[in-house]
Amino acid sequence: MDKQKQLRELLDREFLSRQEAIDYLDISKQCFHSLVARGKITKIKKGSAVLFYRYEIEHRKSIAPELFEKYRPYQR
């Protein structure tokens, strides 16, 4: 396996693009940008490329039902 392919697989395994994260979390762009602005999700920027840690996005998805219940108990 060549080095570029290994690096690409690493990126795919460990990071998500903005749109991939939004789709995975199933939230609006505005909600996602609010999470980033409030420091709930870490943004990694190199030049014009912006990536997000996959483990943070997966963790956010796993706690979403708990947060929804806590902050919106009237919307069951």
Protein backbone atom coordinates (compact mmCIF):
# COMPACT_ATOMS: atom_id res chain seq x y z
CA MET A 1 0.00 0.00 0.00
CA ASP A 2 1.45 3.36 -0.91
CA LYS A 3 1.85 6.24 1.55
CA GLN A 4 -0.84 8.45 0.00
CA LYS A 5 -3.43 5.71 0.22
CA GLN A 6 -2.51 5.06 3.86
CA LEU A 7 -2.86 8.74 4.70
CA ARG A 8 -6.20 8.96 2.90
CA GLU A 9 -7.49 5.97 4.86
CA LEU A 10 -6.29 7.59 8.09
CA LEU A 11 -8.14 10.80 7.25
CA ASP A 12 -11.31 8.89 6.35
CA ARG A 13 -11.10 6.84 9.55
CA GLU A 14 -10.35 9.67 12.01
CA PHE A 15 -11.96 12.81 10.55
CA LEU A 16 -15.18 14.03 8.95
CA SER A 17 -15.83 16.94 6.64
CA ARG A 18 -18.34 19.58 7.65
CA GLN A 19 -21.10 18.11 5.48
CA GLU A 20 -20.37 14.55 6.61
CA ALA A 21 -20.65 15.65 10.25
CA ILE A 22 -23.91 17.53 9.62
CA ASP A 23 -25.38 14.52 7.82
CA TYR A 24 -24.19 12.08 10.51
CA LEU A 25 -25.66 14.17 13.33
CA ASP A 26 -28.82 14.86 11.29
CA ILE A 27 -28.89 18.51 12.32
CA SER A 28 -29.11 21.81 10.46
CA LYS A 29 -26.07 23.76 9.31
CA GLN A 30 -27.00 26.53 11.74
CA CYS A 31 -27.12 24.12 14.67
CA PHE A 32 -23.79 22.59 13.68
CA HIS A 33 -22.10 25.97 13.34
CA SER A 34 -23.49 26.94 16.74
CA LEU A 35 -21.92 23.82 18.29
CA VAL A 36 -18.57 24.70 16.70
CA ALA A 37 -18.78 28.36 17.76
CA ARG A 38 -19.57 27.34 21.36
CA GLY A 39 -16.61 24.95 21.42
CA LYS A 40 -18.71 21.79 21.69
CA ILE A 41 -17.07 20.42 18.52
CA THR A 42 -13.42 21.07 17.64
CA LYS A 43 -12.63 22.47 14.22
CA ILE A 44 -9.29 21.65 12.59
CA LYS A 45 -8.31 24.04 9.84
CA LYS A 46 -5.34 23.76 7.48
CA GLY A 47 -5.48 26.30 4.69
CA SER A 48 -8.96 26.05 3.20
CA ALA A 49 -9.55 22.50 4.48
CA VAL A 50 -11.75 22.14 7.57
CA LEU A 51 -12.10 18.80 9.34
CA PHE A 52 -13.73 17.54 12.52
CA TYR A 53 -12.70 14.67 14.79
CA ARG A 54 -14.86 11.63 14.08
CA TYR A 55 -14.79 10.54 17.75
CA GLU A 56 -16.24 13.90 18.86
CA ILE A 57 -19.03 13.70 16.31
CA GLU A 58 -19.82 10.09 17.28
CA HIS A 59 -19.83 11.05 20.97
CA ARG A 60 -22.15 13.97 20.28
CA LYS A 61 -24.53 11.64 18.44
CA SER A 62 -24.48 9.15 21.32
CA ILE A 63 -25.44 11.78 23.93
CA ALA A 64 -27.98 13.60 21.73
CA PRO A 65 -31.07 11.77 23.13
CA GLU A 66 -29.97 12.52 26.69
CA LEU A 67 -29.41 16.21 25.88
CA PHE A 68 -32.74 16.43 24.06
CA GLU A 69 -34.53 14.98 27.08
CA LYS A 70 -32.70 17.33 29.46
CA TYR A 71 -33.15 20.59 27.55
CA ARG A 72 -36.45 19.94 25.75
CA PRO A 73 -38.55 17.78 28.07
CA TYR A 74 -41.73 19.35 26.68
CA GLN A 75 -41.04 17.98 23.16
CA ARG A 76 -41.42 14.27 23.79
